[in-house]
Amino acid sequence: MTTKATLAPNNIRDLFIDAGALLEGHFLLSSGLHSAQYMQCALLLAHPSLAARLGKALAAVQKEKPDLVLSPAMGGLIIGQEVARALDLRHYFTERQDGVMTLRRGFSLKTGEKIVVVEDVVTTGKSSKEVMDLSRAMGAEIVGWLSIVNRSGADLALDVPLKSLLKTTIPSFRPEDCPQCKEGRPFVKPGSRSGKD
């Protein structure tokens, strides 16, 4: 895999293709939506030098200096760590416990702490919103929202604009509207969330 090209949007898409990380099929996304394509960042981020470059590129678009990088597990773990490394910050991650986004493992947030939320791929922003809601409930302030890919094609904003290295439109469907479901094709669930919570 080549890692020398600049990280322009077209090159990022090519990196997914080169890594075999742009999958074709019938997928149940973490959002609960269905899609014929899936961007499997785990395959892309399996290359440490490339993960580091993507982390540096995301860190460069974060204008206000945060105190902490916070990511939802599982998708945000590797890229969140790389953004934190580039910014020389701590990196914490959230997990679902009984379907509720929580901080575990001794992680806690301080009142007034400035947080940047980092994900790999965003479709609807549901996981990020849960992370932001949890952070604010603990008194922290959200100063940024970053992802490698915004696959919605829209300018998503949860009162904090999403900044992504690649914004692309990959159609996704509610199960009842999914063309592949109507054809009776089985789906696979490649992500880390059940698609129902």
C-alpha atoms as a PDB file:
ATOM      1  CA  MET A   1       0.000   0.000   0.000  1.00  0.00           C
ATOM      2  CA  THR A   2       1.303   3.427  -0.887  1.00  0.00           C
ATOM      3  CA  THR A   3       1.287   5.995   1.903  1.00  0.00           C
ATOM      4  CA  LYS A   4       3.235   8.758   0.128  1.00  0.00           C
ATOM      5  CA  ALA A   5       0.316  10.514  -1.620  1.00  0.00           C
ATOM      6  CA  THR A   6      -1.157  13.635  -0.081  1.00  0.00           C
ATOM      7  CA  LEU A   7      -4.308  13.148   1.963  1.00  0.00           C
ATOM      8  CA  ALA A   8      -6.671  14.911  -0.434  1.00  0.00           C
ATOM      9  CA  PRO A   9     -10.217  13.449  -0.490  1.00  0.00           C
ATOM     10  CA  ASN A  10      -9.674  11.516  -3.747  1.00  0.00           C
ATOM     11  CA  ASN A  11      -6.469  10.033  -2.368  1.00  0.00           C
ATOM     12  CA  ILE A  12      -8.201   8.994   0.853  1.00  0.00           C
ATOM     13  CA  ARG A  13     -10.836   7.118  -1.144  1.00  0.00           C
ATOM     14  CA  ASP A  14      -8.008   5.465  -3.092  1.00  0.00           C
ATOM     15  CA  LEU A  15      -6.365   4.455   0.196  1.00  0.00           C
ATOM     16  CA  PHE A  16      -9.565   2.643   1.201  1.00  0.00           C
ATOM     17  CA  ILE A  17      -9.598   0.837  -2.143  1.00  0.00           C
ATOM     18  CA  ASP A  18      -5.873  -0.056  -1.935  1.00  0.00           C
ATOM     19  CA  ALA A  19      -6.360  -1.443   1.598  1.00  0.00           C
ATOM     20  CA  GLY A  20      -9.380  -3.522   0.525  1.00  0.00           C
ATOM     21  CA  ALA A  21     -11.362  -1.411   2.997  1.00  0.00           C
ATOM     22  CA  LEU A  22     -14.163  -0.261   0.660  1.00  0.00           C
ATOM     23  CA  LEU A  23     -16.420  -3.298   0.829  1.00  0.00           C
ATOM     24  CA  GLU A  24     -19.296  -4.196  -1.492  1.00  0.00           C
ATOM     25  CA  GLY A  25     -22.277  -6.268  -0.372  1.00  0.00           C
ATOM     26  CA  HIS A  26     -25.330  -5.853   1.888  1.00  0.00           C
ATOM     27  CA  PHE A  27     -24.443  -4.332   5.237  1.00  0.00           C
ATOM     28  CA  LEU A  28     -26.273  -3.454   8.428  1.00  0.00           C
ATOM     29  CA  LEU A  29     -24.649  -0.235   9.667  1.00  0.00           C
ATOM     30  CA  SER A  30     -24.277   0.740  13.315  1.00  0.00           C
ATOM     31  CA  SER A  31     -26.967   3.371  12.695  1.00  0.00           C
ATOM     32  CA  GLY A  32     -29.462   0.595  11.904  1.00  0.00           C
ATOM     33  CA  LEU A  33     -29.522   1.601   8.225  1.00  0.00           C
ATOM     34  CA  HIS A  34     -28.589  -0.735   5.366  1.00  0.00           C
ATOM     35  CA  SER A  35     -26.058  -0.062   2.611  1.00  0.00           C
ATOM     36  CA  ALA A  36     -24.445  -1.766  -0.378  1.00  0.00           C
ATOM     37  CA  GLN A  37     -21.030  -0.332   0.581  1.00  0.00           C
ATOM     38  CA  TYR A  38     -19.092  -0.295   3.834  1.00  0.00           C
ATOM     39  CA  MET A  39     -15.915   1.627   4.649  1.00  0.00           C
ATOM     40  CA  GLN A  40     -14.029  -0.727   6.962  1.00  0.00           C
ATOM     41  CA  CYS A  41     -11.587   1.629   8.659  1.00  0.00           C
ATOM     42  CA  ALA A  42     -10.084  -1.211  10.706  1.00  0.00           C
ATOM     43  CA  LEU A  43      -8.456  -2.519   7.511  1.00  0.00           C
ATOM     44  CA  LEU A  44      -7.149   0.954   6.645  1.00  0.00           C
ATOM     45  CA  LEU A  45      -5.899   1.730  10.160  1.00  0.00           C
ATOM     46  CA  ALA A  46      -4.160  -1.659  10.386  1.00  0.00           C
ATOM     47  CA  HIS A  47      -1.248   0.167   8.695  1.00  0.00           C
ATOM     48  CA  PRO A  48       0.366   2.103  11.591  1.00  0.00           C
ATOM     49  CA  SER A  49       2.179   4.669   9.437  1.00  0.00           C
ATOM     50  CA  LEU A  50      -1.036   5.459   7.586  1.00  0.00           C
ATOM     51  CA  ALA A  51      -3.016   5.653  10.847  1.00  0.00           C
ATOM     52  CA  ALA A  52      -0.444   8.155  12.128  1.00  0.00           C
ATOM     53  CA  ARG A  53      -0.734  10.280   8.965  1.00  0.00           C
ATOM     54  CA  LEU A  54      -4.533  10.294   9.151  1.00  0.00           C
ATOM     55  CA  GLY A  55      -4.351  11.250  12.828  1.00  0.00           C
ATOM     56  CA  LYS A  56      -2.006  14.157  12.042  1.00  0.00           C
ATOM     57  CA  ALA A  57      -4.260  15.311   9.193  1.00  0.00           C
ATOM     58  CA  LEU A  58      -7.310  15.335  11.484  1.00  0.00           C
ATOM     59  CA  ALA A  59      -5.405  17.061  14.278  1.00  0.00           C
ATOM     60  CA  ALA A  60      -4.433  19.795  11.800  1.00  0.00           C
ATOM     61  CA  VAL A  61      -8.084  20.735  11.148  1.00  0.00           C
ATOM     62  CA  GLN A  62      -8.879  21.104  14.877  1.00  0.00           C
ATOM     63  CA  LYS A  63      -8.556  24.842  15.441  1.00  0.00           C
ATOM     64  CA  GLU A  64      -9.276  25.165  19.166  1.00  0.00           C
ATOM     65  CA  LYS A  65      -6.838  23.246  21.361  1.00  0.00           C
ATOM     66  CA  PRO A  66      -8.729  20.623  23.406  1.00  0.00           C
ATOM     67  CA  ASP A  67      -7.693  19.112  26.720  1.00  0.00           C
ATOM     68  CA  LEU A  68      -8.709  15.588  25.768  1.00  0.00           C
ATOM     69  CA  VAL A  69      -9.624  13.420  22.770  1.00  0.00           C
ATOM     70  CA  LEU A  70     -12.709  11.252  23.350  1.00  0.00           C
ATOM     71  CA  SER A  71     -13.891   8.501  21.003  1.00  0.00           C
ATOM     72  CA  PRO A  72     -16.689   5.950  20.945  1.00  0.00           C
ATOM     73  CA  ALA A  73     -15.443   2.368  21.017  1.00  0.00           C
ATOM     74  CA  MET A  74     -14.825   0.523  18.834  1.00  0.00           C
ATOM     75  CA  GLY A  75     -14.566   2.587  15.654  1.00  0.00           C
ATOM     76  CA  GLY A  76     -12.921   5.630  17.175  1.00  0.00           C
ATOM     77  CA  LEU A  77     -10.245   3.827  19.185  1.00  0.00           C
ATOM     78  CA  ILE A  78      -7.326   3.788  16.753  1.00  0.00           C
ATOM     79  CA  ILE A  79      -7.924   7.107  15.021  1.00  0.00           C
ATOM     80  CA  GLY A  80      -8.717   8.789  18.346  1.00  0.00           C
ATOM     81  CA  GLN A  81      -5.380   7.575  19.728  1.00  0.00           C
ATOM     82  CA  GLU A  82      -3.558   8.906  16.652  1.00  0.00           C
ATOM     83  CA  VAL A  83      -5.254  12.319  16.862  1.00  0.00           C
ATOM     84  CA  ALA A  84      -4.354  12.460  20.567  1.00  0.00           C
ATOM     85  CA  ARG A  85      -0.746  11.539  19.741  1.00  0.00           C
ATOM     86  CA  ALA A  86      -0.566  14.327  17.136  1.00  0.00           C
ATOM     87  CA  LEU A  87      -1.994  16.850  19.641  1.00  0.00           C
ATOM     88  CA  ASP A  88       0.060  15.425  22.554  1.00  0.00           C
ATOM     89  CA  LEU A  89      -3.093  14.828  24.627  1.00  0.00           C
ATOM     90  CA  ARG A  90      -4.752  12.029  26.563  1.00  0.00           C
ATOM     91  CA  HIS A  91      -7.216   9.813  24.706  1.00  0.00           C
ATOM     92  CA  TYR A  92     -10.228   8.287  26.460  1.00  0.00           C
ATOM     93  CA  PHE A  93     -12.965   6.187  24.941  1.00  0.00           C
ATOM     94  CA  THR A  94     -16.577   5.506  25.754  1.00  0.00           C
ATOM     95  CA  GLU A  95     -18.327   2.136  25.755  1.00  0.00           C
ATOM     96  CA  ARG A  96     -21.913   0.987  25.851  1.00  0.00           C
ATOM     97  CA  GLN A  97     -23.020  -0.682  29.027  1.00  0.00           C
ATOM     98  CA  ASP A  98     -26.558  -2.069  28.893  1.00  0.00           C
ATOM     99  CA  GLY A  99     -27.084   0.017  25.746  1.00  0.00           C
ATOM    100  CA  VAL A 100     -25.993   3.290  27.385  1.00  0.00           C
ATOM    101  CA  MET A 101     -22.828   5.190  26.420  1.00  0.00           C
ATOM    102  CA  THR A 102     -20.562   5.350  29.471  1.00  0.00           C
ATOM    103  CA  LEU A 103     -17.034   6.047  30.615  1.00  0.00           C
ATOM    104  CA  ARG A 104     -15.407   3.057  32.301  1.00  0.00           C
ATOM    105  CA  ARG A 105     -11.863   1.885  33.129  1.00  0.00           C
ATOM    106  CA  GLY A 106     -11.270   4.763  35.541  1.00  0.00           C
ATOM    107  CA  PHE A 107     -11.853   7.438  32.885  1.00  0.00           C
ATOM    108  CA  SER A 108     -13.614  10.601  34.057  1.00  0.00           C
ATOM    109  CA  LEU A 109     -14.114  14.135  32.767  1.00  0.00           C
ATOM    110  CA  LYS A 110     -13.612  17.374  34.662  1.00  0.00           C
ATOM    111  CA  THR A 111     -15.973  20.329  34.665  1.00  0.00           C
ATOM    112  CA  GLY A 112     -14.903  22.755  31.945  1.00  0.00           C
ATOM    113  CA  GLU A 113     -12.585  20.252  30.254  1.00  0.00           C
ATOM    114  CA  LYS A 114     -12.431  20.867  26.490  1.00  0.00           C
ATOM    115  CA  ILE A 115     -13.182  17.747  24.454  1.00  0.00           C
ATOM    116  CA  VAL A 116     -12.743  16.867  20.786  1.00  0.00           C
ATOM    117  CA  VAL A 117     -14.807  13.836  19.712  1.00  0.00           C
ATOM    118  CA  VAL A 118     -13.096  11.635  17.110  1.00  0.00           C
ATOM    119  CA  GLU A 119     -14.664   8.831  15.025  1.00  0.00           C
ATOM    120  CA  ASP A 120     -13.593   6.779  12.048  1.00  0.00           C
ATOM    121  CA  VAL A 121     -16.745   6.907   9.871  1.00  0.00           C
ATOM    122  CA  VAL A 122     -19.905   8.929  10.539  1.00  0.00           C
ATOM    123  CA  THR A 123     -23.241   8.042   8.938  1.00  0.00           C
ATOM    124  CA  THR A 124     -25.882   9.715  11.121  1.00  0.00           C
ATOM    125  CA  GLY A 125     -23.783  10.949  14.039  1.00  0.00           C
ATOM    126  CA  LYS A 126     -25.709   8.934  16.626  1.00  0.00           C
ATOM    127  CA  SER A 127     -22.634   7.574  18.440  1.00  0.00           C
ATOM    128  CA  SER A 128     -20.979  10.983  18.437  1.00  0.00           C
ATOM    129  CA  LYS A 129     -24.120  12.585  19.855  1.00  0.00           C
ATOM    130  CA  GLU A 130     -24.168  10.045  22.667  1.00  0.00           C
ATOM    131  CA  VAL A 131     -20.514  10.834  23.447  1.00  0.00           C
ATOM    132  CA  MET A 132     -21.244  14.571  23.388  1.00  0.00           C
ATOM    133  CA  ASP A 133     -24.318  14.211  25.599  1.00  0.00           C
ATOM    134  CA  LEU A 134     -22.330  12.157  28.113  1.00  0.00           C
ATOM    135  CA  SER A 135     -19.485  14.700  28.097  1.00  0.00           C
ATOM    136  CA  ARG A 136     -21.791  17.643  28.652  1.00  0.00           C
ATOM    137  CA  ALA A 137     -23.635  15.816  31.426  1.00  0.00           C
ATOM    138  CA  MET A 138     -20.251  15.544  33.172  1.00  0.00           C
ATOM    139  CA  GLY A 139     -19.620  19.287  32.730  1.00  0.00           C
ATOM    140  CA  ALA A 140     -17.188  19.114  29.800  1.00  0.00           C
ATOM    141  CA  GLU A 141     -17.265  21.381  26.749  1.00  0.00           C
ATOM    142  CA  ILE A 142     -17.222  20.038  23.176  1.00  0.00           C
ATOM    143  CA  VAL A 143     -14.804  22.068  21.044  1.00  0.00           C
ATOM    144  CA  GLY A 144     -14.546  19.801  17.991  1.00  0.00           C
ATOM    145  CA  TRP A 145     -15.928  16.799  16.132  1.00  0.00           C
ATOM    146  CA  LEU A 146     -13.657  14.952  13.687  1.00  0.00           C
ATOM    147  CA  SER A 147     -13.868  11.869  11.486  1.00  0.00           C
ATOM    148  CA  ILE A 148     -11.896  10.277   8.707  1.00  0.00           C
ATOM    149  CA  VAL A 149     -15.079   9.879   6.634  1.00  0.00           C
ATOM    150  CA  ASN A 150     -18.502  11.509   6.599  1.00  0.00           C
ATOM    151  CA  ARG A 151     -20.404   9.021   4.445  1.00  0.00           C
ATOM    152  CA  SER A 152     -23.730  10.867   4.705  1.00  0.00           C
ATOM    153  CA  GLY A 153     -22.786  13.415   2.040  1.00  0.00           C
ATOM    154  CA  ALA A 154     -24.485  16.051   4.227  1.00  0.00           C
ATOM    155  CA  ASP A 155     -23.097  18.795   6.421  1.00  0.00           C
ATOM    156  CA  LEU A 156     -23.847  17.032   9.681  1.00  0.00           C
ATOM    157  CA  ALA A 157     -23.807  19.210  12.776  1.00  0.00           C
ATOM    158  CA  LEU A 158     -24.745  18.414  16.339  1.00  0.00           C
ATOM    159  CA  ASP A 159     -24.304  22.081  17.339  1.00  0.00           C
ATOM    160  CA  VAL A 160     -20.619  21.346  16.639  1.00  0.00           C
ATOM    161  CA  PRO A 161     -19.690  21.132  12.929  1.00  0.00           C
ATOM    162  CA  LEU A 162     -18.235  17.842  11.736  1.00  0.00           C
ATOM    163  CA  LYS A 163     -14.832  18.116  10.068  1.00  0.00           C
ATOM    164  CA  SER A 164     -13.876  15.097   7.950  1.00  0.00           C
ATOM    165  CA  LEU A 165     -11.003  14.249   5.652  1.00  0.00           C
ATOM    166  CA  LEU A 166     -13.462  12.725   3.163  1.00  0.00           C
ATOM    167  CA  LYS A 167     -17.114  13.636   2.652  1.00  0.00           C
ATOM    168  CA  THR A 168     -18.832  11.200   0.318  1.00  0.00           C
ATOM    169  CA  THR A 169     -22.346  10.055  -0.410  1.00  0.00           C
ATOM    170  CA  ILE A 170     -22.889   6.347   0.053  1.00  0.00           C
ATOM    171  CA  PRO A 171     -26.626   5.641  -0.044  1.00  0.00           C
ATOM    172  CA  SER A 172     -28.120   4.031   3.031  1.00  0.00           C
ATOM    173  CA  PHE A 173     -31.666   2.835   3.589  1.00  0.00           C
ATOM    174  CA  ARG A 174     -34.067   2.036   6.376  1.00  0.00           C
ATOM    175  CA  PRO A 175     -34.554  -1.759   6.390  1.00  0.00           C
ATOM    176  CA  GLU A 176     -38.107  -1.450   5.043  1.00  0.00           C
ATOM    177  CA  ASP A 177     -36.825   0.614   2.074  1.00  0.00           C
ATOM    178  CA  CYS A 178     -33.655  -1.379   1.382  1.00  0.00           C
ATOM    179  CA  PRO A 179     -33.536  -2.676  -2.239  1.00  0.00           C
ATOM    180  CA  GLN A 180     -31.390  -5.659  -1.235  1.00  0.00           C
ATOM    181  CA  CYS A 181     -33.764  -6.649   1.550  1.00  0.00           C
ATOM    182  CA  LYS A 182     -36.613  -6.535  -0.965  1.00  0.00           C
ATOM    183  CA  GLU A 183     -34.606  -8.956  -3.125  1.00  0.00           C
ATOM    184  CA  GLY A 184     -34.182 -11.261  -0.122  1.00  0.00           C
ATOM    185  CA  ARG A 185     -30.404 -10.841   0.112  1.00  0.00           C
ATOM    186  CA  PRO A 186     -28.994 -11.519   3.594  1.00  0.00           C
ATOM    187  CA  PHE A 187     -26.976  -8.771   5.251  1.00  0.00           C
ATOM    188  CA  VAL A 188     -23.823  -8.824   7.326  1.00  0.00           C
ATOM    189  CA  LYS A 189     -23.032  -6.631  10.347  1.00  0.00           C
ATOM    190  CA  PRO A 190     -19.387  -5.537  10.076  1.00  0.00           C
ATOM    191  CA  GLY A 191     -19.436  -2.745  12.702  1.00  0.00           C
ATOM    192  CA  SER A 192     -19.184  -2.741  16.476  1.00  0.00           C
ATOM    193  CA  ARG A 193     -22.753  -1.876  17.430  1.00  0.00           C
ATOM    194  CA  SER A 194     -25.830  -4.074  17.112  1.00  0.00           C
ATOM    195  CA  GLY A 195     -27.600  -1.603  14.819  1.00  0.00           C
ATOM    196  CA  LYS A 196     -30.547  -1.529  17.187  1.00  0.00           C
ATOM    197  CA  ASP A 197     -29.261   0.543  20.092  1.00  0.00           C
END
